[in-house]
Amino acid sequence: MNLKEVGYRIKLCRKEKNFTQERLAEEINVSPHYIYEIERGSKTMSIYTLDKISKALNISTDYILSGSEKEFPTSNDNLSLIVEKIPFKKRENVANVLSVLLPYLK
C-alpha cells in the first residue's frame, strides 16, 4: 500500500466535498494536523480512522486503499433497506430463503 496515493485520494475526495482539513478532522474527531499528515502520506491510520474517513466523505474504503470503486452504492429500494438491517450472521439464511422463492416470483 502506497501511503502517498492513499493520502492523495483522501485529499481529492475531501476537496470534492468542499471539506477543509479542519472540517474533516472535526467530523472524525482527530486533529487537523493528523489529517494533513495522512494526506501527505507521512502517517498511517487505524482501521477505525479509515472507516470514519470513509463514512465522512461517503467513499468506500476500497477506493481509499486501492483506488477502486469510489462511491458507496446507493439504493433506496425496500429490499436494500431491509437487508441493511439484517445481522451479517443471518444474511446467509435469508439468501437461502430468497433463492428458493425466486423461481416462484412473476
PDB file of N, CA and C in Angstrom:
ATOM      1  N   MET A   1       0.848  -1.171   0.000  1.00  0.00           N
ATOM      2  CA  MET A   1       0.000   0.000   0.000  1.00  0.00           C
ATOM      3  C   MET A   1       0.894   1.235   0.000  1.00  0.00           C
ATOM      4  N   ASN A   2       0.589   2.136  -0.899  1.00  0.00           N
ATOM      5  CA  ASN A   2       1.355   3.367  -1.031  1.00  0.00           C
ATOM      6  C   ASN A   2       0.645   4.478  -0.248  1.00  0.00           C
ATOM      7  N   LEU A   3       1.256   4.917   0.851  1.00  0.00           N
ATOM      8  CA  LEU A   3       0.629   5.918   1.718  1.00  0.00           C
ATOM      9  C   LEU A   3       0.402   7.248   1.021  1.00  0.00           C
ATOM     10  N   LYS A   4       1.300   7.605   0.106  1.00  0.00           N
ATOM     11  CA  LYS A   4       1.124   8.872  -0.606  1.00  0.00           C
ATOM     12  C   LYS A   4      -0.112   8.820  -1.507  1.00  0.00           C
ATOM     13  N   GLU A   5      -0.340   7.679  -2.154  1.00  0.00           N
ATOM     14  CA  GLU A   5      -1.520   7.529  -3.008  1.00  0.00           C
ATOM     15  C   GLU A   5      -2.796   7.515  -2.172  1.00  0.00           C
ATOM     16  N   VAL A   6      -2.751   6.840  -1.034  1.00  0.00           N
ATOM     17  CA  VAL A   6      -3.900   6.814  -0.119  1.00  0.00           C
ATOM     18  C   VAL A   6      -4.234   8.239   0.312  1.00  0.00           C
ATOM     19  N   GLY A   7      -3.233   8.963   0.740  1.00  0.00           N
ATOM     20  CA  GLY A   7      -3.427  10.339   1.174  1.00  0.00           C
ATOM     21  C   GLY A   7      -3.940  11.232   0.063  1.00  0.00           C
ATOM     22  N   TYR A   8      -3.438  11.015  -1.143  1.00  0.00           N
ATOM     23  CA  TYR A   8      -3.867  11.809  -2.289  1.00  0.00           C
ATOM     24  C   TYR A   8      -5.347  11.576  -2.586  1.00  0.00           C
ATOM     25  N   ARG A   9      -5.790  10.302  -2.518  1.00  0.00           N
ATOM     26  CA  ARG A   9      -7.203  10.006  -2.775  1.00  0.00           C
ATOM     27  C   ARG A   9      -8.094  10.629  -1.704  1.00  0.00           C
ATOM     28  N   ILE A  10      -7.653  10.591  -0.457  1.00  0.00           N
ATOM     29  CA  ILE A  10      -8.423  11.224   0.615  1.00  0.00           C
ATOM     30  C   ILE A  10      -8.522  12.723   0.367  1.00  0.00           C
ATOM     31  N   LYS A  11      -7.408  13.329   0.010  1.00  0.00           N
ATOM     32  CA  LYS A  11      -7.392  14.775  -0.245  1.00  0.00           C
ATOM     33  C   LYS A  11      -8.328  15.147  -1.391  1.00  0.00           C
ATOM     34  N   LEU A  12      -8.275  14.394  -2.490  1.00  0.00           N
ATOM     35  CA  LEU A  12      -9.149  14.667  -3.633  1.00  0.00           C
ATOM     36  C   LEU A  12     -10.620  14.592  -3.236  1.00  0.00           C
ATOM     37  N   CYS A  13     -10.978  13.558  -2.509  1.00  0.00           N
ATOM     38  CA  CYS A  13     -12.379  13.389  -2.105  1.00  0.00           C
ATOM     39  C   CYS A  13     -12.797  14.449  -1.096  1.00  0.00           C
ATOM     40  N   ARG A  14     -11.894  14.808  -0.220  1.00  0.00           N
ATOM     41  CA  ARG A  14     -12.194  15.860   0.762  1.00  0.00           C
ATOM     42  C   ARG A  14     -12.490  17.165   0.034  1.00  0.00           C
ATOM     43  N   LYS A  15     -11.675  17.477  -0.971  1.00  0.00           N
ATOM     44  CA  LYS A  15     -11.874  18.713  -1.728  1.00  0.00           C
ATOM     45  C   LYS A  15     -13.150  18.659  -2.570  1.00  0.00           C
ATOM     46  N   GLU A  16     -13.481  17.486  -3.120  1.00  0.00           N
ATOM     47  CA  GLU A  16     -14.728  17.329  -3.878  1.00  0.00           C
ATOM     48  C   GLU A  16     -15.939  17.612  -2.994  1.00  0.00           C
ATOM     49  N   LYS A  17     -15.842  17.279  -1.720  1.00  0.00           N
ATOM     50  CA  LYS A  17     -16.934  17.507  -0.772  1.00  0.00           C
ATOM     51  C   LYS A  17     -16.879  18.914  -0.178  1.00  0.00           C
ATOM     52  N   ASN A  18     -15.902  19.703  -0.612  1.00  0.00           N
ATOM     53  CA  ASN A  18     -15.684  21.053  -0.079  1.00  0.00           C
ATOM     54  C   ASN A  18     -15.446  21.043   1.430  1.00  0.00           C
ATOM     55  N   PHE A  19     -14.725  20.018   1.891  1.00  0.00           N
ATOM     56  CA  PHE A  19     -14.328  19.934   3.297  1.00  0.00           C
ATOM     57  C   PHE A  19     -12.928  20.503   3.430  1.00  0.00           C
ATOM     58  N   THR A  20     -12.703  21.285   4.459  1.00  0.00           N
ATOM     59  CA  THR A  20     -11.337  21.667   4.809  1.00  0.00           C
ATOM     60  C   THR A  20     -10.748  20.528   5.634  1.00  0.00           C
ATOM     61  N   GLN A  21      -9.442  20.573   5.834  1.00  0.00           N
ATOM     62  CA  GLN A  21      -8.826  19.586   6.724  1.00  0.00           C
ATOM     63  C   GLN A  21      -9.413  19.716   8.116  1.00  0.00           C
ATOM     64  N   GLU A  22      -9.706  20.926   8.516  1.00  0.00           N
ATOM     65  CA  GLU A  22     -10.270  21.174   9.841  1.00  0.00           C
ATOM     66  C   GLU A  22     -11.655  20.541   9.975  1.00  0.00           C
ATOM     67  N   ARG A  23     -12.459  20.690   8.920  1.00  0.00           N
ATOM     68  CA  ARG A  23     -13.819  20.116   8.980  1.00  0.00           C
ATOM     69  C   ARG A  23     -13.761  18.600   9.013  1.00  0.00           C
ATOM     70  N   LEU A  24     -12.931  17.977   8.180  1.00  0.00           N
ATOM     71  CA  LEU A  24     -12.805  16.522   8.195  1.00  0.00           C
ATOM     72  C   LEU A  24     -12.305  16.057   9.551  1.00  0.00           C
ATOM     73  N   ALA A  25     -11.315  16.752  10.092  1.00  0.00           N
ATOM     74  CA  ALA A  25     -10.778  16.397  11.406  1.00  0.00           C
ATOM     75  C   ALA A  25     -11.871  16.452  12.468  1.00  0.00           C
ATOM     76  N   GLU A  26     -12.689  17.484  12.404  1.00  0.00           N
ATOM     77  CA  GLU A  26     -13.782  17.630  13.363  1.00  0.00           C
ATOM     78  C   GLU A  26     -14.804  16.506  13.201  1.00  0.00           C
ATOM     79  N   GLU A  27     -15.106  16.148  11.959  1.00  0.00           N
ATOM     80  CA  GLU A  27     -16.078  15.079  11.679  1.00  0.00           C
ATOM     81  C   GLU A  27     -15.637  13.744  12.271  1.00  0.00           C
ATOM     82  N   ILE A  28     -14.330  13.473  12.232  1.00  0.00           N
ATOM     83  CA  ILE A  28     -13.863  12.160  12.682  1.00  0.00           C
ATOM     84  C   ILE A  28     -13.126  12.209  14.018  1.00  0.00           C
ATOM     85  N   ASN A  29     -13.124  13.385  14.631  1.00  0.00           N
ATOM     86  CA  ASN A  29     -12.570  13.550  15.981  1.00  0.00           C
ATOM     87  C   ASN A  29     -11.060  13.291  16.069  1.00  0.00           C
ATOM     88  N   VAL A  30     -10.320  13.936  15.159  1.00  0.00           N
ATOM     89  CA  VAL A  30      -8.854  13.915  15.197  1.00  0.00           C
ATOM     90  C   VAL A  30      -8.379  15.355  14.993  1.00  0.00           C
ATOM     91  N   SER A  31      -7.086  15.566  15.052  1.00  0.00           N
ATOM     92  CA  SER A  31      -6.560  16.918  14.852  1.00  0.00           C
ATOM     93  C   SER A  31      -6.400  17.214  13.357  1.00  0.00           C
ATOM     94  N   PRO A  32      -6.518  18.467  12.977  1.00  0.00           N
ATOM     95  CA  PRO A  32      -6.283  18.840  11.574  1.00  0.00           C
ATOM     96  C   PRO A  32      -4.872  18.472  11.112  1.00  0.00           C
ATOM     97  N   HIS A  33      -3.910  18.556  12.015  1.00  0.00           N
ATOM     98  CA  HIS A  33      -2.535  18.204  11.652  1.00  0.00           C
ATOM     99  C   HIS A  33      -2.423  16.722  11.292  1.00  0.00           C
ATOM    100  N   TYR A  34      -3.188  15.887  11.972  1.00  0.00           N
ATOM    101  CA  TYR A  34      -3.193  14.450  11.661  1.00  0.00           C
ATOM    102  C   TYR A  34      -3.739  14.226  10.247  1.00  0.00           C
ATOM    103  N   ILE A  35      -4.796  14.944   9.872  1.00  0.00           N
ATOM    104  CA  ILE A  35      -5.341  14.839   8.511  1.00  0.00           C
ATOM    105  C   ILE A  35      -4.276  15.275   7.505  1.00  0.00           C
ATOM    106  N   TYR A  36      -3.607  16.370   7.807  1.00  0.00           N
ATOM    107  CA  TYR A  36      -2.523  16.859   6.949  1.00  0.00           C
ATOM    108  C   TYR A  36      -1.463  15.770   6.748  1.00  0.00           C
ATOM    109  N   GLU A  37      -1.063  15.109   7.824  1.00  0.00           N
ATOM    110  CA  GLU A  37      -0.022  14.080   7.728  1.00  0.00           C
ATOM    111  C   GLU A  37      -0.499  12.853   6.956  1.00  0.00           C
ATOM    112  N   ILE A  38      -1.769  12.483   7.126  1.00  0.00           N
ATOM    113  CA  ILE A  38      -2.325  11.360   6.358  1.00  0.00           C
ATOM    114  C   ILE A  38      -2.324  11.713   4.870  1.00  0.00           C
ATOM    115  N   GLU A  39      -2.788  12.913   4.558  1.00  0.00           N
ATOM    116  CA  GLU A  39      -2.884  13.324   3.154  1.00  0.00           C
ATOM    117  C   GLU A  39      -1.533  13.428   2.470  1.00  0.00           C
ATOM    118  N   ARG A  40      -0.509  13.773   3.188  1.00  0.00           N
ATOM    119  CA  ARG A  40       0.813  13.840   2.537  1.00  0.00           C
ATOM    120  C   ARG A  40       1.546  12.496   2.567  1.00  0.00           C
ATOM    121  N   GLY A  41       0.932  11.488   3.202  1.00  0.00           N
ATOM    122  CA  GLY A  41       1.495  10.139   3.193  1.00  0.00           C
ATOM    123  C   GLY A  41       2.557   9.892   4.233  1.00  0.00           C
ATOM    124  N   SER A  42       2.632  10.753   5.239  1.00  0.00           N
ATOM    125  CA  SER A  42       3.667  10.568   6.255  1.00  0.00           C
ATOM    126  C   SER A  42       3.161   9.867   7.512  1.00  0.00           C
ATOM    127  N   LYS A  43       1.853   9.632   7.602  1.00  0.00           N
ATOM    128  CA  LYS A  43       1.266   8.929   8.754  1.00  0.00           C
ATOM    129  C   LYS A  43       0.335   7.838   8.256  1.00  0.00           C
ATOM    130  N   THR A  44       0.295   6.764   9.007  1.00  0.00           N
ATOM    131  CA  THR A  44      -0.684   5.720   8.738  1.00  0.00           C
ATOM    132  C   THR A  44      -1.907   5.990   9.611  1.00  0.00           C
ATOM    133  N   MET A  45      -2.942   5.207   9.382  1.00  0.00           N
ATOM    134  CA  MET A  45      -4.146   5.368  10.199  1.00  0.00           C
ATOM    135  C   MET A  45      -4.660   3.997  10.598  1.00  0.00           C
ATOM    136  N   SER A  46      -5.392   3.974  11.679  1.00  0.00           N
ATOM    137  CA  SER A  46      -6.003   2.719  12.125  1.00  0.00           C
ATOM    138  C   SER A  46      -7.194   2.395  11.229  1.00  0.00           C
ATOM    139  N   ILE A  47      -7.672   1.174  11.312  1.00  0.00           N
ATOM    140  CA  ILE A  47      -8.856   0.822  10.527  1.00  0.00           C
ATOM    141  C   ILE A  47     -10.065   1.622  11.007  1.00  0.00           C
ATOM    142  N   TYR A  48     -10.067   2.000  12.260  1.00  0.00           N
ATOM    143  CA  TYR A  48     -11.169   2.803  12.791  1.00  0.00           C
ATOM    144  C   TYR A  48     -11.166   4.195  12.155  1.00  0.00           C
ATOM    145  N   THR A  49      -9.990   4.781  12.042  1.00  0.00           N
ATOM    146  CA  THR A  49      -9.878   6.090  11.393  1.00  0.00           C
ATOM    147  C   THR A  49     -10.212   5.974   9.915  1.00  0.00           C
ATOM    148  N   LEU A  50      -9.741   4.931   9.271  1.00  0.00           N
ATOM    149  CA  LEU A  50     -10.072   4.687   7.869  1.00  0.00           C
ATOM    150  C   LEU A  50     -11.581   4.606   7.690  1.00  0.00           C
ATOM    151  N   ASP A  51     -12.250   3.878   8.556  1.00  0.00           N
ATOM    152  CA  ASP A  51     -13.703   3.743   8.491  1.00  0.00           C
ATOM    153  C   ASP A  51     -14.389   5.090   8.687  1.00  0.00           C
ATOM    154  N   LYS A  52     -13.920   5.879   9.638  1.00  0.00           N
ATOM    155  CA  LYS A  52     -14.515   7.191   9.893  1.00  0.00           C
ATOM    156  C   LYS A  52     -14.335   8.124   8.694  1.00  0.00           C
ATOM    157  N   ILE A  53     -13.149   8.114   8.092  1.00  0.00           N
ATOM    158  CA  ILE A  53     -12.898   8.946   6.911  1.00  0.00           C
ATOM    159  C   ILE A  53     -13.808   8.514   5.770  1.00  0.00           C
ATOM    160  N   SER A  54     -13.908   7.209   5.574  1.00  0.00           N
ATOM    161  CA  SER A  54     -14.754   6.658   4.529  1.00  0.00           C
ATOM    162  C   SER A  54     -16.195   7.128   4.677  1.00  0.00           C
ATOM    163  N   LYS A  55     -16.712   7.062   5.887  1.00  0.00           N
ATOM    164  CA  LYS A  55     -18.097   7.470   6.128  1.00  0.00           C
ATOM    165  C   LYS A  55     -18.266   8.981   6.022  1.00  0.00           C
ATOM    166  N   ALA A  56     -17.318   9.737   6.528  1.00  0.00           N
ATOM    167  CA  ALA A  56     -17.414  11.198   6.478  1.00  0.00           C
ATOM    168  C   ALA A  56     -17.401  11.711   5.042  1.00  0.00           C
ATOM    169  N   LEU A  57     -16.624  11.063   4.177  1.00  0.00           N
ATOM    170  CA  LEU A  57     -16.502  11.500   2.791  1.00  0.00           C
ATOM    171  C   LEU A  57     -17.415  10.722   1.841  1.00  0.00           C
ATOM    172  N   ASN A  58     -18.133   9.737   2.393  1.00  0.00           N
ATOM    173  CA  ASN A  58     -19.037   8.889   1.610  1.00  0.00           C
ATOM    174  C   ASN A  58     -18.324   8.210   0.437  1.00  0.00           C
ATOM    175  N   ILE A  59     -17.181   7.619   0.759  1.00  0.00           N
ATOM    176  CA  ILE A  59     -16.424   6.848  -0.226  1.00  0.00           C
ATOM    177  C   ILE A  59     -16.088   5.500   0.382  1.00  0.00           C
ATOM    178  N   SER A  60     -15.841   4.531  -0.460  1.00  0.00           N
ATOM    179  CA  SER A  60     -15.539   3.194   0.049  1.00  0.00           C
ATOM    180  C   SER A  60     -14.095   3.113   0.549  1.00  0.00           C
ATOM    181  N   THR A  61     -13.875   2.236   1.493  1.00  0.00           N
ATOM    182  CA  THR A  61     -12.511   2.006   1.977  1.00  0.00           C
ATOM    183  C   THR A  61     -11.663   1.387   0.863  1.00  0.00           C
ATOM    184  N   ASP A  62     -12.291   0.615  -0.019  1.00  0.00           N
ATOM    185  CA  ASP A  62     -11.561   0.047  -1.162  1.00  0.00           C
ATOM    186  C   ASP A  62     -10.975   1.153  -2.023  1.00  0.00           C
ATOM    187  N   TYR A  63     -11.768   2.203  -2.238  1.00  0.00           N
ATOM    188  CA  TYR A  63     -11.258   3.311  -3.041  1.00  0.00           C
ATOM    189  C   TYR A  63     -10.089   3.996  -2.328  1.00  0.00           C
ATOM    190  N   ILE A  64     -10.227   4.240  -1.041  1.00  0.00           N
ATOM    191  CA  ILE A  64      -9.154   4.902  -0.298  1.00  0.00           C
ATOM    192  C   ILE A  64      -7.872   4.083  -0.388  1.00  0.00           C
ATOM    193  N   LEU A  65      -7.971   2.776  -0.178  1.00  0.00           N
ATOM    194  CA  LEU A  65      -6.772   1.933  -0.128  1.00  0.00           C
ATOM    195  C   LEU A  65      -6.214   1.572  -1.498  1.00  0.00           C
ATOM    196  N   SER A  66      -7.108   1.334  -2.479  1.00  0.00           N
ATOM    197  CA  SER A  66      -6.597   0.826  -3.753  1.00  0.00           C
ATOM    198  C   SER A  66      -7.012   1.626  -4.974  1.00  0.00           C
ATOM    199  N   GLY A  67      -7.920   2.571  -4.809  1.00  0.00           N
ATOM    200  CA  GLY A  67      -8.344   3.376  -5.939  1.00  0.00           C
ATOM    201  C   GLY A  67      -9.505   2.798  -6.725  1.00  0.00           C
ATOM    202  N   SER A  68     -10.110   1.711  -6.228  1.00  0.00           N
ATOM    203  CA  SER A  68     -11.224   1.116  -6.959  1.00  0.00           C
ATOM    204  C   SER A  68     -12.558   1.444  -6.304  1.00  0.00           C
ATOM    205  N   GLU A  69     -13.584   1.538  -7.105  1.00  0.00           N
ATOM    206  CA  GLU A  69     -14.965   1.739  -6.652  1.00  0.00           C
ATOM    207  C   GLU A  69     -15.103   2.877  -5.652  1.00  0.00           C
ATOM    208  N   LYS A  70     -15.143   4.073  -6.178  1.00  0.00           N
ATOM    209  CA  LYS A  70     -15.103   5.273  -5.352  1.00  0.00           C
ATOM    210  C   LYS A  70     -16.317   5.483  -4.465  1.00  0.00           C
ATOM    211  N   GLU A  71     -17.494   5.489  -5.034  1.00  0.00           N
ATOM    212  CA  GLU A  71     -18.699   5.824  -4.281  1.00  0.00           C
ATOM    213  C   GLU A  71     -19.312   4.582  -3.651  1.00  0.00           C
ATOM    214  N   PHE A  72     -19.975   4.795  -2.524  1.00  0.00           N
ATOM    215  CA  PHE A  72     -20.797   3.745  -1.951  1.00  0.00           C
ATOM    216  C   PHE A  72     -21.984   3.561  -2.874  1.00  0.00           C
ATOM    217  N   PRO A  73     -22.355   2.317  -3.143  1.00  0.00           N
ATOM    218  CA  PRO A  73     -23.575   2.164  -3.929  1.00  0.00           C
ATOM    219  C   PRO A  73     -24.760   2.682  -3.118  1.00  0.00           C
ATOM    220  N   THR A  74     -25.589   3.475  -3.730  1.00  0.00           N
ATOM    221  CA  THR A  74     -26.751   3.984  -3.017  1.00  0.00           C
ATOM    222  C   THR A  74     -28.000   3.377  -3.622  1.00  0.00           C
ATOM    223  N   SER A  75     -28.819   2.854  -2.764  1.00  0.00           N
ATOM    224  CA  SER A  75     -30.056   2.243  -3.207  1.00  0.00           C
ATOM    225  C   SER A  75     -31.114   2.502  -2.159  1.00  0.00           C
ATOM    226  N   ASN A  76     -32.274   2.887  -2.598  1.00  0.00           N
ATOM    227  CA  ASN A  76     -33.344   3.202  -1.674  1.00  0.00           C
ATOM    228  C   ASN A  76     -34.527   2.256  -1.814  1.00  0.00           C
ATOM    229  N   ASP A  77     -34.354   1.135  -2.510  1.00  0.00           N
ATOM    230  CA  ASP A  77     -35.473   0.226  -2.642  1.00  0.00           C
ATOM    231  C   ASP A  77     -35.713  -0.505  -1.320  1.00  0.00           C
ATOM    232  N   ASN A  78     -36.925  -1.016  -1.151  1.00  0.00           N
ATOM    233  CA  ASN A  78     -37.318  -1.640   0.109  1.00  0.00           C
ATOM    234  C   ASN A  78     -36.439  -2.820   0.484  1.00  0.00           C
ATOM    235  N   LEU A  79     -36.082  -3.658  -0.486  1.00  0.00           N
ATOM    236  CA  LEU A  79     -35.260  -4.827  -0.188  1.00  0.00           C
ATOM    237  C   LEU A  79     -33.897  -4.415   0.360  1.00  0.00           C
ATOM    238  N   SER A  80     -33.287  -3.428  -0.239  1.00  0.00           N
ATOM    239  CA  SER A  80     -31.981  -2.960   0.243  1.00  0.00           C
ATOM    240  C   SER A  80     -32.073  -2.439   1.667  1.00  0.00           C
ATOM    241  N   LEU A  81     -33.140  -1.714   1.942  1.00  0.00           N
ATOM    242  CA  LEU A  81     -33.321  -1.170   3.291  1.00  0.00           C
ATOM    243  C   LEU A  81     -33.516  -2.272   4.317  1.00  0.00           C
ATOM    244  N   ILE A  82     -34.239  -3.320   3.935  1.00  0.00           N
ATOM    245  CA  ILE A  82     -34.448  -4.450   4.845  1.00  0.00           C
ATOM    246  C   ILE A  82     -33.145  -5.207   5.066  1.00  0.00           C
ATOM    247  N   VAL A  83     -32.418  -5.465   3.985  1.00  0.00           N
ATOM    248  CA  VAL A  83     -31.172  -6.234   4.076  1.00  0.00           C
ATOM    249  C   VAL A  83     -30.143  -5.524   4.945  1.00  0.00           C
ATOM    250  N   GLU A  84     -30.111  -4.193   4.873  1.00  0.00           N
ATOM    251  CA  GLU A  84     -29.166  -3.433   5.708  1.00  0.00           C
ATOM    252  C   GLU A  84     -29.357  -3.711   7.185  1.00  0.00           C
ATOM    253  N   LYS A  85     -30.580  -4.026   7.575  1.00  0.00           N
ATOM    254  CA  LYS A  85     -30.893  -4.223   8.991  1.00  0.00           C
ATOM    255  C   LYS A  85     -30.677  -5.661   9.466  1.00  0.00           C
ATOM    256  N   ILE A  86     -30.431  -6.585   8.543  1.00  0.00           N
ATOM    257  CA  ILE A  86     -30.232  -7.988   8.913  1.00  0.00           C
ATOM    258  C   ILE A  86     -28.802  -8.186   9.395  1.00  0.00           C
ATOM    259  N   PRO A  87     -28.626  -8.767  10.582  1.00  0.00           N
ATOM    260  CA  PRO A  87     -27.259  -9.033  11.068  1.00  0.00           C
ATOM    261  C   PRO A  87     -26.515  -9.944  10.086  1.00  0.00           C
ATOM    262  N   PHE A  88     -25.226  -9.730   9.941  1.00  0.00           N
ATOM    263  CA  PHE A  88     -24.432 -10.500   8.980  1.00  0.00           C
ATOM    264  C   PHE A  88     -24.561 -12.004   9.194  1.00  0.00           C
ATOM    265  N   LYS A  89     -24.665 -12.453  10.422  1.00  0.00           N
ATOM    266  CA  LYS A  89     -24.759 -13.887  10.712  1.00  0.00           C
ATOM    267  C   LYS A  89     -26.038 -14.502  10.151  1.00  0.00           C
ATOM    268  N   LYS A  90     -27.078 -13.688   9.977  1.00  0.00           N
ATOM    269  CA  LYS A  90     -28.362 -14.206   9.490  1.00  0.00           C
ATOM    270  C   LYS A  90     -28.550 -14.011   7.988  1.00  0.00           C
ATOM    271  N   ARG A  91     -27.673 -13.273   7.351  1.00  0.00           N
ATOM    272  CA  ARG A  91     -27.857 -12.979   5.931  1.00  0.00           C
ATOM    273  C   ARG A  91     -27.796 -14.218   5.049  1.00  0.00           C
ATOM    274  N   GLU A  92     -26.973 -15.196   5.411  1.00  0.00           N
ATOM    275  CA  GLU A  92     -26.902 -16.420   4.600  1.00  0.00           C
ATOM    276  C   GLU A  92     -28.227 -17.155   4.639  1.00  0.00           C
ATOM    277  N   ASN A  93     -28.872 -17.198   5.791  1.00  0.00           N
ATOM    278  CA  ASN A  93     -30.188 -17.838   5.902  1.00  0.00           C
ATOM    279  C   ASN A  93     -31.206 -17.127   5.011  1.00  0.00           C
ATOM    280  N   VAL A  94     -31.186 -15.801   5.033  1.00  0.00           N
ATOM    281  CA  VAL A  94     -32.100 -15.019   4.197  1.00  0.00           C
ATOM    282  C   VAL A  94     -31.810 -15.280   2.718  1.00  0.00           C
ATOM    283  N   ALA A  95     -30.558 -15.347   2.356  1.00  0.00           N
ATOM    284  CA  ALA A  95     -30.186 -15.629   0.965  1.00  0.00           C
ATOM    285  C   ALA A  95     -30.706 -16.994   0.531  1.00  0.00           C
ATOM    286  N   ASN A  96     -30.627 -17.979   1.407  1.00  0.00           N
ATOM    287  CA  ASN A  96     -31.134 -19.321   1.085  1.00  0.00           C
ATOM    288  C   ASN A  96     -32.644 -19.293   0.861  1.00  0.00           C
ATOM    289  N   VAL A  97     -33.367 -18.584   1.713  1.00  0.00           N
ATOM    290  CA  VAL A  97     -34.815 -18.479   1.572  1.00  0.00           C
ATOM    291  C   VAL A  97     -35.165 -17.782   0.257  1.00  0.00           C
ATOM    292  N   LEU A  98     -34.473 -16.689  -0.050  1.00  0.00           N
ATOM    293  CA  LEU A  98     -34.744 -15.969  -1.288  1.00  0.00           C
ATOM    294  C   LEU A  98     -34.446 -16.815  -2.524  1.00  0.00           C
ATOM    295  N   SER A  99     -33.388 -17.591  -2.482  1.00  0.00           N
ATOM    296  CA  SER A  99     -33.052 -18.408  -3.650  1.00  0.00           C
ATOM    297  C   SER A  99     -34.116 -19.469  -3.904  1.00  0.00           C
ATOM    298  N   VAL A 100     -34.797 -19.928  -2.864  1.00  0.00           N
ATOM    299  CA  VAL A 100     -35.894 -20.870  -3.040  1.00  0.00           C
ATOM    300  C   VAL A 100     -37.131 -20.160  -3.594  1.00  0.00           C
ATOM    301  N   LEU A 101     -37.375 -18.936  -3.146  1.00  0.00           N
ATOM    302  CA  LEU A 101     -38.572 -18.204  -3.553  1.00  0.00           C
ATOM    303  C   LEU A 101     -38.487 -17.580  -4.946  1.00  0.00           C
ATOM    304  N   LEU A 102     -37.305 -17.211  -5.383  1.00  0.00           N
ATOM    305  CA  LEU A 102     -37.147 -16.502  -6.654  1.00  0.00           C
ATOM    306  C   LEU A 102     -37.818 -17.174  -7.849  1.00  0.00           C
ATOM    307  N   PRO A 103     -37.708 -18.490  -8.009  1.00  0.00           N
ATOM    308  CA  PRO A 103     -38.365 -19.108  -9.181  1.00  0.00           C
ATOM    309  C   PRO A 103     -39.888 -18.931  -9.188  1.00  0.00           C
ATOM    310  N   TYR A 104     -40.480 -18.675  -8.040  1.00  0.00           N
ATOM    311  CA  TYR A 104     -41.934 -18.569  -7.959  1.00  0.00           C
ATOM    312  C   TYR A 104     -42.444 -17.138  -8.108  1.00  0.00           C
ATOM    313  N   LEU A 105     -41.545 -16.169  -8.183  1.00  0.00           N
ATOM    314  CA  LEU A 105     -41.937 -14.778  -8.363  1.00  0.00           C
ATOM    315  C   LEU A 105     -42.211 -14.507  -9.832  1.00  0.00           C
ATOM    316  N   LYS A 106     -43.264 -13.754 -10.118  1.00  0.00           N
ATOM    317  CA  LYS A 106     -43.609 -13.445 -11.512  1.00  0.00           C
ATOM    318  C   LYS A 106     -43.173 -12.054 -11.859  1.00  0.00           C
TER     319      LYS A 106
END
